[in-house]
Amino acid sequence: MTRLSRPGIVRMFLAETAARPDAPAILGADGRCLTYRQLDSATGALAGWLAARGVGPGDLVGVRLPRGPELITAMFGVLRAGAAYVPLDPAYPPERTAQIVADARCALILDELPPALPEATAPAVVTHPAELAYLIYTSGSSGRPKGVMINHAAIGAYAATMAAEYGVGPDDRWLQFSSTSFDASIEDVALTLTSGAALVPRTDEMLDPAQLLAACDRLGITVVNLPTEFWHQLVRVLVAGAPVPRSLRLVLIGGEKAGSGPVQAWLSDARLRHIRLVNGYGPTEATIAATIQTLESLDGGLTVPIGSPIPGVEVHLLDAHLDPVPTGHPGQIF
């Protein structure tokens, strides 16, 4: 199946809804639950509300909501209306938000959901795989922030490929940790809600590594996707003797270079050997991740590998003239 023939994440979500409508889709740390059926109803109603206001294919809608059920409802509601969404972190300074909104020419900003969505069905929109699903802005660390356009085919293919790679299914509970300004948060949502799993939004208390570990154990979290620097902090807490969550089976890290010390400390702890640790790398333009590596040993090296290309991705090492470098020589990743 080619990338352009992959179904988008909306169709994949609707298929999971049909298969298990009463399964939990979003679980709050306070125990509140939104089922697939309820999320389907809420996103369909929002899509209808947006369509009634003229939002449809070709439009961009800013989504400025904290992590939680409302954020996911907004994301999928915009997609079901045929539009694309622009994640806006509520913690952004007003100037940055204004800059993104102006640059993206957003048709509408959702900083809250309508207080009482009317009973409405989602418009019958047929989205072409090449059409835009979301526009996400880079941090601007190398200059002015730029918008990266990701289409339905790319995120659908990524979700299907990586859910299969990680074995994500209805028994999983996946912690949504990252800010909406990072595409790791899109990975959390896409892989979970297209696989019948449950998404668990992080609370502010979980920014404390010890609190996060305790919450993972209490909530039965099976998968966490963490910025590497936070994972370094988590390793220090674990090495100091913090209990390992009994349910945890998969830890994904990325965003920064992983330190060999924390990796070696993790691999040396017998309590953690049953947990798969995956180091990922990829520019936002390549749809979240381009290479992954399951870390099982460092073989005495000081560099933590970023692994091999995921299915559907090619990685080339080129020199300053864009020519391939010989094996064993340094080059830039393309």
C-alpha atoms as a PDB file:
ATOM      1  CA  MET A   1       0.000   0.000   0.000  1.00  0.00           C
ATOM      2  CA  THR A   2       1.518   3.330  -1.018  1.00  0.00           C
ATOM      3  CA  ARG A   3       1.589   6.305   1.296  1.00  0.00           C
ATOM      4  CA  LEU A   4      -1.040   8.185  -0.733  1.00  0.00           C
ATOM      5  CA  SER A   5      -3.426   5.215  -0.516  1.00  0.00           C
ATOM      6  CA  ARG A   6      -3.281   5.099   3.273  1.00  0.00           C
ATOM      7  CA  PRO A   7      -6.480   6.137   5.053  1.00  0.00           C
ATOM      8  CA  GLY A   8      -6.258   9.302   7.120  1.00  0.00           C
ATOM      9  CA  ILE A   9      -6.419   9.265  10.895  1.00  0.00           C
ATOM     10  CA  VAL A  10     -10.081  10.342  10.911  1.00  0.00           C
ATOM     11  CA  ARG A  11     -11.158   7.242   8.971  1.00  0.00           C
ATOM     12  CA  MET A  12      -8.939   5.099  11.180  1.00  0.00           C
ATOM     13  CA  PHE A  13     -10.480   6.644  14.315  1.00  0.00           C
ATOM     14  CA  LEU A  14     -14.007   6.071  12.998  1.00  0.00           C
ATOM     15  CA  ALA A  15     -13.151   2.432  12.286  1.00  0.00           C
ATOM     16  CA  GLU A  16     -12.026   1.976  15.889  1.00  0.00           C
ATOM     17  CA  THR A  17     -15.207   3.687  17.089  1.00  0.00           C
ATOM     18  CA  ALA A  18     -17.323   1.236  15.098  1.00  0.00           C
ATOM     19  CA  ALA A  19     -15.350  -1.715  16.463  1.00  0.00           C
ATOM     20  CA  ARG A  20     -15.365  -0.712  20.155  1.00  0.00           C
ATOM     21  CA  PRO A  21     -17.720   2.251  20.772  1.00  0.00           C
ATOM     22  CA  ASP A  22     -17.814   1.877  24.551  1.00  0.00           C
ATOM     23  CA  ALA A  23     -14.058   1.487  25.044  1.00  0.00           C
ATOM     24  CA  PRO A  24     -12.247   4.387  26.760  1.00  0.00           C
ATOM     25  CA  ALA A  25     -10.750   6.886  24.321  1.00  0.00           C
ATOM     26  CA  ILE A  26      -9.573   9.529  26.792  1.00  0.00           C
ATOM     27  CA  LEU A  27      -8.938   8.835  30.467  1.00  0.00           C
ATOM     28  CA  GLY A  28      -8.422  11.678  32.921  1.00  0.00           C
ATOM     29  CA  ALA A  29      -6.102  11.440  35.897  1.00  0.00           C
ATOM     30  CA  ASP A  30      -9.211  12.065  38.020  1.00  0.00           C
ATOM     31  CA  GLY A  31     -10.864   8.917  36.654  1.00  0.00           C
ATOM     32  CA  ARG A  32     -13.205  10.625  34.200  1.00  0.00           C
ATOM     33  CA  CYS A  33     -13.576   8.778  30.914  1.00  0.00           C
ATOM     34  CA  LEU A  34     -14.647   9.703  27.398  1.00  0.00           C
ATOM     35  CA  THR A  35     -15.532   6.679  25.280  1.00  0.00           C
ATOM     36  CA  TYR A  36     -14.927   6.320  21.555  1.00  0.00           C
ATOM     37  CA  ARG A  37     -18.664   6.745  20.963  1.00  0.00           C
ATOM     38  CA  GLN A  38     -18.739   9.959  23.012  1.00  0.00           C
ATOM     39  CA  LEU A  39     -15.636  11.345  21.299  1.00  0.00           C
ATOM     40  CA  ASP A  40     -17.132  10.484  17.904  1.00  0.00           C
ATOM     41  CA  SER A  41     -20.318  12.344  18.822  1.00  0.00           C
ATOM     42  CA  ALA A  42     -18.459  15.408  20.153  1.00  0.00           C
ATOM     43  CA  THR A  43     -16.090  15.688  17.184  1.00  0.00           C
ATOM     44  CA  GLY A  44     -18.911  15.183  14.696  1.00  0.00           C
ATOM     45  CA  ALA A  45     -20.991  17.893  16.367  1.00  0.00           C
ATOM     46  CA  LEU A  46     -18.033  20.297  16.381  1.00  0.00           C
ATOM     47  CA  ALA A  47     -17.393  19.571  12.697  1.00  0.00           C
ATOM     48  CA  GLY A  48     -21.023  20.433  11.965  1.00  0.00           C
ATOM     49  CA  TRP A  49     -20.743  23.631  14.034  1.00  0.00           C
ATOM     50  CA  LEU A  50     -17.614  24.647  12.109  1.00  0.00           C
ATOM     51  CA  ALA A  51     -19.207  23.862   8.740  1.00  0.00           C
ATOM     52  CA  ALA A  52     -22.208  26.025   9.647  1.00  0.00           C
ATOM     53  CA  ARG A  53     -19.750  28.906  10.081  1.00  0.00           C
ATOM     54  CA  GLY A  54     -18.220  28.380   6.688  1.00  0.00           C
ATOM     55  CA  VAL A  55     -15.170  26.375   7.746  1.00  0.00           C
ATOM     56  CA  GLY A  56     -14.266  23.630   5.323  1.00  0.00           C
ATOM     57  CA  PRO A  57     -11.625  22.260   2.942  1.00  0.00           C
ATOM     58  CA  GLY A  58      -8.734  24.628   2.406  1.00  0.00           C
ATOM     59  CA  ASP A  59      -9.235  26.459   5.716  1.00  0.00           C
ATOM     60  CA  LEU A  60      -6.871  26.550   8.665  1.00  0.00           C
ATOM     61  CA  VAL A  61      -8.203  26.640  12.230  1.00  0.00           C
ATOM     62  CA  GLY A  62      -6.044  27.576  15.202  1.00  0.00           C
ATOM     63  CA  VAL A  63      -6.474  25.263  18.199  1.00  0.00           C
ATOM     64  CA  ARG A  64      -5.394  26.940  21.420  1.00  0.00           C
ATOM     65  CA  LEU A  65      -6.463  24.586  24.211  1.00  0.00           C
ATOM     66  CA  PRO A  66      -4.691  22.828  27.091  1.00  0.00           C
ATOM     67  CA  ARG A  67      -4.213  19.070  26.854  1.00  0.00           C
ATOM     68  CA  GLY A  68      -7.368  17.163  27.647  1.00  0.00           C
ATOM     69  CA  PRO A  69     -10.628  15.996  26.029  1.00  0.00           C
ATOM     70  CA  GLU A  70     -11.414  19.464  24.636  1.00  0.00           C
ATOM     71  CA  LEU A  71      -8.092  19.600  22.775  1.00  0.00           C
ATOM     72  CA  ILE A  72      -8.636  16.202  21.144  1.00  0.00           C
ATOM     73  CA  THR A  73     -12.228  17.087  20.301  1.00  0.00           C
ATOM     74  CA  ALA A  74     -11.050  20.279  18.610  1.00  0.00           C
ATOM     75  CA  MET A  75      -8.319  18.528  16.607  1.00  0.00           C
ATOM     76  CA  PHE A  76     -10.598  15.809  15.247  1.00  0.00           C
ATOM     77  CA  GLY A  77     -13.536  18.183  14.837  1.00  0.00           C
ATOM     78  CA  VAL A  78     -11.473  20.438  12.588  1.00  0.00           C
ATOM     79  CA  LEU A  79     -10.282  17.452  10.529  1.00  0.00           C
ATOM     80  CA  ARG A  80     -13.806  16.093  10.187  1.00  0.00           C
ATOM     81  CA  ALA A  81     -14.936  19.495   8.871  1.00  0.00           C
ATOM     82  CA  GLY A  82     -12.377  19.049   6.092  1.00  0.00           C
ATOM     83  CA  ALA A  83     -10.111  21.814   7.395  1.00  0.00           C
ATOM     84  CA  ALA A  84      -6.587  21.622   8.845  1.00  0.00           C
ATOM     85  CA  TYR A  85      -5.616  22.626  12.349  1.00  0.00           C
ATOM     86  CA  VAL A  86      -2.786  24.800  13.656  1.00  0.00           C
ATOM     87  CA  PRO A  87      -1.677  23.884  17.207  1.00  0.00           C
ATOM     88  CA  LEU A  88      -1.219  26.957  19.400  1.00  0.00           C
ATOM     89  CA  ASP A  89       0.307  26.346  22.814  1.00  0.00           C
ATOM     90  CA  PRO A  90      -1.710  28.245  25.471  1.00  0.00           C
ATOM     91  CA  ALA A  91       1.643  29.057  27.142  1.00  0.00           C
ATOM     92  CA  TYR A  92       2.874  30.997  24.098  1.00  0.00           C
ATOM     93  CA  PRO A  93       3.418  34.739  24.576  1.00  0.00           C
ATOM     94  CA  PRO A  94       0.639  36.715  22.861  1.00  0.00           C
ATOM     95  CA  GLU A  95       3.100  38.052  20.265  1.00  0.00           C
ATOM     96  CA  ARG A  96       4.096  34.570  19.131  1.00  0.00           C
ATOM     97  CA  THR A  97       0.475  33.428  18.910  1.00  0.00           C
ATOM     98  CA  ALA A  98      -0.413  36.537  16.894  1.00  0.00           C
ATOM     99  CA  GLN A  99       2.549  35.943  14.574  1.00  0.00           C
ATOM    100  CA  ILE A 100       1.518  32.340  13.869  1.00  0.00           C
ATOM    101  CA  VAL A 101      -2.152  33.209  13.391  1.00  0.00           C
ATOM    102  CA  ALA A 102      -1.253  35.965  10.934  1.00  0.00           C
ATOM    103  CA  ASP A 103       1.260  33.846   9.031  1.00  0.00           C
ATOM    104  CA  ALA A 104      -1.129  30.871   8.782  1.00  0.00           C
ATOM    105  CA  ARG A 105      -4.120  33.110   7.955  1.00  0.00           C
ATOM    106  CA  CYS A 106      -6.326  31.152  10.303  1.00  0.00           C
ATOM    107  CA  ALA A 107     -10.018  31.292   9.470  1.00  0.00           C
ATOM    108  CA  LEU A 108     -10.953  30.775  13.125  1.00  0.00           C
ATOM    109  CA  ILE A 109      -9.339  30.281  16.538  1.00  0.00           C
ATOM    110  CA  LEU A 110     -10.704  27.665  18.949  1.00  0.00           C
ATOM    111  CA  ASP A 111      -9.557  28.678  22.412  1.00  0.00           C
ATOM    112  CA  GLU A 112     -12.629  27.069  23.916  1.00  0.00           C
ATOM    113  CA  LEU A 113     -15.322  24.752  22.665  1.00  0.00           C
ATOM    114  CA  PRO A 114     -18.831  26.074  22.110  1.00  0.00           C
ATOM    115  CA  PRO A 115     -20.601  25.787  25.495  1.00  0.00           C
ATOM    116  CA  ALA A 116     -23.417  23.620  24.136  1.00  0.00           C
ATOM    117  CA  LEU A 117     -22.760  21.949  20.832  1.00  0.00           C
ATOM    118  CA  PRO A 118     -26.014  21.337  18.996  1.00  0.00           C
ATOM    119  CA  GLU A 119     -26.953  17.866  17.865  1.00  0.00           C
ATOM    120  CA  ALA A 120     -25.247  17.827  14.511  1.00  0.00           C
ATOM    121  CA  THR A 121     -23.639  15.323  12.247  1.00  0.00           C
ATOM    122  CA  ALA A 122     -20.253  15.827  10.692  1.00  0.00           C
ATOM    123  CA  PRO A 123     -20.368  17.112   7.120  1.00  0.00           C
ATOM    124  CA  ALA A 124     -19.864  14.460   4.452  1.00  0.00           C
ATOM    125  CA  VAL A 125     -16.367  15.609   3.516  1.00  0.00           C
ATOM    126  CA  VAL A 126     -14.137  13.361   1.429  1.00  0.00           C
ATOM    127  CA  THR A 127     -10.563  14.395   2.193  1.00  0.00           C
ATOM    128  CA  HIS A 128      -7.895  13.674  -0.394  1.00  0.00           C
ATOM    129  CA  PRO A 129      -4.736  12.123   1.090  1.00  0.00           C
ATOM    130  CA  ALA A 130      -2.614  14.962  -0.301  1.00  0.00           C
ATOM    131  CA  GLU A 131      -4.669  17.645   1.469  1.00  0.00           C
ATOM    132  CA  LEU A 132      -3.337  19.360   4.569  1.00  0.00           C
ATOM    133  CA  ALA A 133      -4.078  17.826   7.975  1.00  0.00           C
ATOM    134  CA  TYR A 134      -2.103  20.193  10.187  1.00  0.00           C
ATOM    135  CA  LEU A 135       0.329  23.087  10.045  1.00  0.00           C
ATOM    136  CA  ILE A 136       2.805  23.117  12.926  1.00  0.00           C
ATOM    137  CA  TYR A 137       5.365  25.823  13.621  1.00  0.00           C
ATOM    138  CA  THR A 138       8.972  25.082  14.536  1.00  0.00           C
ATOM    139  CA  SER A 139      10.583  26.581  17.618  1.00  0.00           C
ATOM    140  CA  GLY A 140      12.511  29.162  15.634  1.00  0.00           C
ATOM    141  CA  SER A 141      15.834  28.165  17.203  1.00  0.00           C
ATOM    142  CA  SER A 142      17.545  28.623  13.830  1.00  0.00           C
ATOM    143  CA  GLY A 143      15.713  31.825  12.939  1.00  0.00           C
ATOM    144  CA  ARG A 144      12.118  32.888  12.348  1.00  0.00           C
ATOM    145  CA  PRO A 145       9.590  30.135  13.167  1.00  0.00           C
ATOM    146  CA  LYS A 146       8.283  28.467  10.038  1.00  0.00           C
ATOM    147  CA  GLY A 147       5.146  26.486   9.421  1.00  0.00           C
ATOM    148  CA  VAL A 148       5.552  22.843   8.419  1.00  0.00           C
ATOM    149  CA  MET A 149       2.685  21.381   6.399  1.00  0.00           C
ATOM    150  CA  ILE A 150       1.765  17.711   6.977  1.00  0.00           C
ATOM    151  CA  ASN A 151      -0.891  16.064   4.829  1.00  0.00           C
ATOM    152  CA  HIS A 152      -3.410  13.343   5.635  1.00  0.00           C
ATOM    153  CA  ALA A 153      -1.435  10.655   3.821  1.00  0.00           C
ATOM    154  CA  ALA A 154       1.736  11.348   5.797  1.00  0.00           C
ATOM    155  CA  ILE A 155       0.190  11.298   9.276  1.00  0.00           C
ATOM    156  CA  GLY A 156      -2.058   8.344   8.392  1.00  0.00           C
ATOM    157  CA  ALA A 157       0.887   6.317   7.106  1.00  0.00           C
ATOM    158  CA  TYR A 158       2.981   7.250  10.126  1.00  0.00           C
ATOM    159  CA  ALA A 159       0.244   6.264  12.579  1.00  0.00           C
ATOM    160  CA  ALA A 160      -0.359   2.897  10.908  1.00  0.00           C
ATOM    161  CA  THR A 161       3.349   2.110  10.539  1.00  0.00           C
ATOM    162  CA  MET A 162       4.423   3.044  14.038  1.00  0.00           C
ATOM    163  CA  ALA A 163       1.396   1.564  15.809  1.00  0.00           C
ATOM    164  CA  ALA A 164       2.338  -1.739  14.188  1.00  0.00           C
ATOM    165  CA  GLU A 165       6.014  -1.260  15.124  1.00  0.00           C
ATOM    166  CA  TYR A 166       5.139  -0.618  18.775  1.00  0.00           C
ATOM    167  CA  GLY A 167       2.286  -3.119  18.985  1.00  0.00           C
ATOM    168  CA  VAL A 168      -0.254  -0.495  20.084  1.00  0.00           C
ATOM    169  CA  GLY A 169      -3.718  -1.884  20.724  1.00  0.00           C
ATOM    170  CA  PRO A 170      -6.881  -1.681  22.848  1.00  0.00           C
ATOM    171  CA  ASP A 171      -5.073  -2.802  26.004  1.00  0.00           C
ATOM    172  CA  ASP A 172      -2.735   0.199  25.942  1.00  0.00           C
ATOM    173  CA  ARG A 173      -2.977   3.405  27.912  1.00  0.00           C
ATOM    174  CA  TRP A 174      -0.718   6.063  26.388  1.00  0.00           C
ATOM    175  CA  LEU A 175       0.354   9.149  28.329  1.00  0.00           C
ATOM    176  CA  GLN A 176       0.096  12.399  26.364  1.00  0.00           C
ATOM    177  CA  PHE A 177       3.032  14.306  27.815  1.00  0.00           C
ATOM    178  CA  SER A 178       4.331  16.924  25.396  1.00  0.00           C
ATOM    179  CA  SER A 179       3.040  20.397  24.657  1.00  0.00           C
ATOM    180  CA  THR A 180       0.841  20.794  21.582  1.00  0.00           C
ATOM    181  CA  SER A 181       3.642  22.899  20.070  1.00  0.00           C
ATOM    182  CA  PHE A 182       5.723  19.730  19.553  1.00  0.00           C
ATOM    183  CA  ASP A 183       4.746  17.085  17.045  1.00  0.00           C
ATOM    184  CA  ALA A 184       5.357  14.344  19.623  1.00  0.00           C
ATOM    185  CA  SER A 185       1.927  15.295  20.980  1.00  0.00           C
ATOM    186  CA  ILE A 186       0.415  14.538  17.575  1.00  0.00           C
ATOM    187  CA  GLU A 187       2.140  11.144  17.648  1.00  0.00           C
ATOM    188  CA  ASP A 188       0.523  10.472  21.037  1.00  0.00           C
ATOM    189  CA  VAL A 189      -2.953  11.253  19.725  1.00  0.00           C
ATOM    190  CA  ALA A 190      -2.667   9.663  16.293  1.00  0.00           C
ATOM    191  CA  LEU A 191      -1.178   6.319  17.342  1.00  0.00           C
ATOM    192  CA  THR A 192      -3.553   5.924  20.261  1.00  0.00           C
ATOM    193  CA  LEU A 193      -6.918   6.843  18.777  1.00  0.00           C
ATOM    194  CA  THR A 194      -6.330   4.931  15.539  1.00  0.00           C
ATOM    195  CA  SER A 195      -5.489   1.738  17.458  1.00  0.00           C
ATOM    196  CA  GLY A 196      -8.336   1.477  19.954  1.00  0.00           C
ATOM    197  CA  ALA A 197      -6.083   2.462  22.860  1.00  0.00           C
ATOM    198  CA  ALA A 198      -6.808   5.072  25.546  1.00  0.00           C
ATOM    199  CA  LEU A 199      -5.073   8.453  25.744  1.00  0.00           C
ATOM    200  CA  VAL A 200      -4.232   9.802  29.211  1.00  0.00           C
ATOM    201  CA  PRO A 201      -3.447  13.555  29.259  1.00  0.00           C
ATOM    202  CA  ARG A 202      -0.591  14.591  31.559  1.00  0.00           C
ATOM    203  CA  THR A 203      -1.347  16.844  34.514  1.00  0.00           C
ATOM    204  CA  ASP A 204       0.969  19.581  35.796  1.00  0.00           C
ATOM    205  CA  GLU A 205       1.811  17.423  38.833  1.00  0.00           C
ATOM    206  CA  MET A 206       3.360  14.864  36.493  1.00  0.00           C
ATOM    207  CA  LEU A 207       6.114  17.317  35.583  1.00  0.00           C
ATOM    208  CA  ASP A 208       7.733  15.992  38.757  1.00  0.00           C
ATOM    209  CA  PRO A 209       9.392  12.702  37.691  1.00  0.00           C
ATOM    210  CA  ALA A 210       8.483  10.912  40.920  1.00  0.00           C
ATOM    211  CA  GLN A 211       4.853  12.022  40.583  1.00  0.00           C
ATOM    212  CA  LEU A 212       4.812  10.868  36.964  1.00  0.00           C
ATOM    213  CA  LEU A 213       6.042   7.398  37.914  1.00  0.00           C
ATOM    214  CA  ALA A 214       3.426   7.120  40.658  1.00  0.00           C
ATOM    215  CA  ALA A 215       0.674   8.270  38.301  1.00  0.00           C
ATOM    216  CA  CYS A 216       1.739   5.785  35.628  1.00  0.00           C
ATOM    217  CA  ASP A 217       1.465   2.984  38.169  1.00  0.00           C
ATOM    218  CA  ARG A 218      -1.884   4.196  39.507  1.00  0.00           C
ATOM    219  CA  LEU A 219      -3.438   4.733  36.056  1.00  0.00           C
ATOM    220  CA  GLY A 220      -2.019   1.606  34.407  1.00  0.00           C
ATOM    221  CA  ILE A 221      -0.022   3.563  31.812  1.00  0.00           C
ATOM    222  CA  THR A 222       1.676   1.241  29.318  1.00  0.00           C
ATOM    223  CA  VAL A 223       3.375   3.755  26.959  1.00  0.00           C
ATOM    224  CA  VAL A 224       5.113   7.080  27.594  1.00  0.00           C
ATOM    225  CA  ASN A 225       6.618   9.364  24.960  1.00  0.00           C
ATOM    226  CA  LEU A 226       9.030  11.781  26.640  1.00  0.00           C
ATOM    227  CA  PRO A 227      11.391  14.603  25.709  1.00  0.00           C
ATOM    228  CA  THR A 228      14.882  13.210  26.213  1.00  0.00           C
ATOM    229  CA  GLU A 229      15.868  15.807  28.808  1.00  0.00           C
ATOM    230  CA  PHE A 230      12.874  14.905  30.986  1.00  0.00           C
ATOM    231  CA  TRP A 231      13.708  11.227  30.572  1.00  0.00           C
ATOM    232  CA  HIS A 232      17.223  11.990  31.902  1.00  0.00           C
ATOM    233  CA  GLN A 233      15.557  13.356  35.055  1.00  0.00           C
ATOM    234  CA  LEU A 234      13.357  10.274  35.264  1.00  0.00           C
ATOM    235  CA  VAL A 235      16.398   7.989  35.120  1.00  0.00           C
ATOM    236  CA  ARG A 236      18.007   9.833  38.035  1.00  0.00           C
ATOM    237  CA  VAL A 237      14.859   9.294  40.117  1.00  0.00           C
ATOM    238  CA  LEU A 238      14.708   5.612  39.189  1.00  0.00           C
ATOM    239  CA  VAL A 239      18.397   5.071  39.964  1.00  0.00           C
ATOM    240  CA  ALA A 240      17.756   6.645  43.353  1.00  0.00           C
ATOM    241  CA  GLY A 241      15.239   3.888  44.062  1.00  0.00           C
ATOM    242  CA  ALA A 242      11.851   5.137  42.844  1.00  0.00           C
ATOM    243  CA  PRO A 243       9.435   2.247  42.116  1.00  0.00           C
ATOM    244  CA  VAL A 244       9.010   1.183  38.483  1.00  0.00           C
ATOM    245  CA  PRO A 245       5.403   1.358  37.207  1.00  0.00           C
ATOM    246  CA  ARG A 246       4.169  -2.217  36.905  1.00  0.00           C
ATOM    247  CA  SER A 247       2.181  -1.592  33.726  1.00  0.00           C
ATOM    248  CA  LEU A 248       4.852   0.251  31.732  1.00  0.00           C
ATOM    249  CA  ARG A 249       6.067  -1.639  28.641  1.00  0.00           C
ATOM    250  CA  LEU A 250       7.336   1.027  26.204  1.00  0.00           C
ATOM    251  CA  VAL A 251       9.272   4.283  26.637  1.00  0.00           C
ATOM    252  CA  LEU A 252       9.902   6.533  23.634  1.00  0.00           C
ATOM    253  CA  ILE A 253      12.449   9.364  23.834  1.00  0.00           C
ATOM    254  CA  GLY A 254      13.442  12.047  21.363  1.00  0.00           C
ATOM    255  CA  GLY A 255      13.850  15.731  20.709  1.00  0.00           C
ATOM    256  CA  GLU A 256      17.383  16.023  22.082  1.00  0.00           C
ATOM    257  CA  LYS A 257      20.529  13.923  22.083  1.00  0.00           C
ATOM    258  CA  ALA A 258      20.325  11.078  24.600  1.00  0.00           C
ATOM    259  CA  GLY A 259      23.218  10.862  27.059  1.00  0.00           C
ATOM    260  CA  SER A 260      25.174   7.619  27.188  1.00  0.00           C
ATOM    261  CA  GLY A 261      25.275   7.779  30.997  1.00  0.00           C
ATOM    262  CA  PRO A 262      21.506   7.732  31.522  1.00  0.00           C
ATOM    263  CA  VAL A 263      21.122   5.063  28.827  1.00  0.00           C
ATOM    264  CA  GLN A 264      23.714   2.858  30.497  1.00  0.00           C
ATOM    265  CA  ALA A 265      22.091   3.416  33.892  1.00  0.00           C
ATOM    266  CA  TRP A 266      18.726   2.360  32.460  1.00  0.00           C
ATOM    267  CA  LEU A 267      20.122  -0.716  30.747  1.00  0.00           C
ATOM    268  CA  SER A 268      22.000  -1.754  33.896  1.00  0.00           C
ATOM    269  CA  ASP A 269      18.868  -1.705  36.088  1.00  0.00           C
ATOM    270  CA  ALA A 270      17.384  -5.208  36.178  1.00  0.00           C
ATOM    271  CA  ARG A 271      13.972  -3.759  37.119  1.00  0.00           C
ATOM    272  CA  LEU A 272      13.761  -2.005  33.721  1.00  0.00           C
ATOM    273  CA  ARG A 273      14.822  -4.791  31.372  1.00  0.00           C
ATOM    274  CA  HIS A 274      11.264  -5.715  30.418  1.00  0.00           C
ATOM    275  CA  ILE A 275      10.540  -2.151  29.230  1.00  0.00           C
ATOM    276  CA  ARG A 276      11.378  -1.408  25.594  1.00  0.00           C
ATOM    277  CA  LEU A 277      13.365   1.834  25.307  1.00  0.00           C
ATOM    278  CA  VAL A 278      13.298   3.493  21.869  1.00  0.00           C
ATOM    279  CA  ASN A 279      15.397   6.476  20.808  1.00  0.00           C
ATOM    280  CA  GLY A 280      13.856   8.387  17.905  1.00  0.00           C
ATOM    281  CA  TYR A 281      15.079  11.091  15.579  1.00  0.00           C
ATOM    282  CA  GLY A 282      13.377  13.136  12.904  1.00  0.00           C
ATOM    283  CA  PRO A 283      12.791  16.684  11.713  1.00  0.00           C
ATOM    284  CA  THR A 284       9.237  17.979  11.882  1.00  0.00           C
ATOM    285  CA  GLU A 285       9.190  18.130   8.081  1.00  0.00           C
ATOM    286  CA  ALA A 286       9.555  14.324   7.899  1.00  0.00           C
ATOM    287  CA  THR A 287       6.348  13.733   9.947  1.00  0.00           C
ATOM    288  CA  ILE A 288       7.485  13.262  13.552  1.00  0.00           C
ATOM    289  CA  ALA A 289      10.213  10.566  13.305  1.00  0.00           C
ATOM    290  CA  ALA A 290      12.481   9.340  10.536  1.00  0.00           C
ATOM    291  CA  THR A 291      14.667   6.830  12.394  1.00  0.00           C
ATOM    292  CA  ILE A 292      14.281   4.760  15.561  1.00  0.00           C
ATOM    293  CA  GLN A 293      16.543   2.546  17.623  1.00  0.00           C
ATOM    294  CA  THR A 294      15.566   0.120  20.368  1.00  0.00           C
ATOM    295  CA  LEU A 295      18.318   0.574  22.942  1.00  0.00           C
ATOM    296  CA  GLU A 296      19.555  -2.752  24.267  1.00  0.00           C
ATOM    297  CA  SER A 297      23.272  -2.072  24.690  1.00  0.00           C
ATOM    298  CA  LEU A 298      25.814   0.620  23.915  1.00  0.00           C
ATOM    299  CA  ASP A 299      28.611  -1.839  23.088  1.00  0.00           C
ATOM    300  CA  GLY A 300      31.053   0.289  25.026  1.00  0.00           C
ATOM    301  CA  GLY A 301      30.398   3.352  22.842  1.00  0.00           C
ATOM    302  CA  LEU A 302      29.839   6.896  24.020  1.00  0.00           C
ATOM    303  CA  THR A 303      27.304   7.794  21.333  1.00  0.00           C
ATOM    304  CA  VAL A 304      23.690   6.706  21.574  1.00  0.00           C
ATOM    305  CA  PRO A 305      22.525   5.558  18.111  1.00  0.00           C
ATOM    306  CA  ILE A 306      19.468   7.071  16.451  1.00  0.00           C
ATOM    307  CA  GLY A 307      18.870   3.857  14.542  1.00  0.00           C
ATOM    308  CA  SER A 308      17.558   2.986  11.114  1.00  0.00           C
ATOM    309  CA  PRO A 309      14.889   4.539   8.883  1.00  0.00           C
ATOM    310  CA  ILE A 310      11.292   3.629   9.649  1.00  0.00           C
ATOM    311  CA  PRO A 311       9.329   1.958   6.811  1.00  0.00           C
ATOM    312  CA  GLY A 312       8.596   4.413   4.018  1.00  0.00           C
ATOM    313  CA  VAL A 313      11.576   6.644   4.825  1.00  0.00           C
ATOM    314  CA  GLU A 314      14.997   6.833   3.178  1.00  0.00           C
ATOM    315  CA  VAL A 315      17.971   8.421   4.946  1.00  0.00           C
ATOM    316  CA  HIS A 316      21.011   9.654   3.024  1.00  0.00           C
ATOM    317  CA  LEU A 317      24.303  10.990   4.404  1.00  0.00           C
ATOM    318  CA  LEU A 318      25.584  13.756   2.143  1.00  0.00           C
ATOM    319  CA  ASP A 319      28.568  16.101   2.101  1.00  0.00           C
ATOM    320  CA  ALA A 320      28.571  19.880   1.598  1.00  0.00           C
ATOM    321  CA  HIS A 321      28.100  19.349  -2.153  1.00  0.00           C
ATOM    322  CA  LEU A 322      25.096  17.065  -1.605  1.00  0.00           C
ATOM    323  CA  ASP A 323      27.067  14.016  -2.706  1.00  0.00           C
ATOM    324  CA  PRO A 324      26.883  10.735  -0.730  1.00  0.00           C
ATOM    325  CA  VAL A 325      29.730  10.294   1.758  1.00  0.00           C
ATOM    326  CA  PRO A 326      31.697   7.011   1.900  1.00  0.00           C
ATOM    327  CA  THR A 327      30.742   4.449   4.522  1.00  0.00           C
ATOM    328  CA  GLY A 328      32.183   5.379   7.910  1.00  0.00           C
ATOM    329  CA  HIS A 329      32.544   9.081   7.093  1.00  0.00           C
ATOM    330  CA  PRO A 330      30.501  11.881   8.705  1.00  0.00           C
ATOM    331  CA  GLY A 331      27.824  13.651   6.718  1.00  0.00           C
ATOM    332  CA  GLN A 332      24.598  15.564   7.002  1.00  0.00           C
ATOM    333  CA  ILE A 333      21.334  13.617   7.246  1.00  0.00           C
ATOM    334  CA  PHE A 334      18.885  14.084   4.365  1.00  0.00           C
END
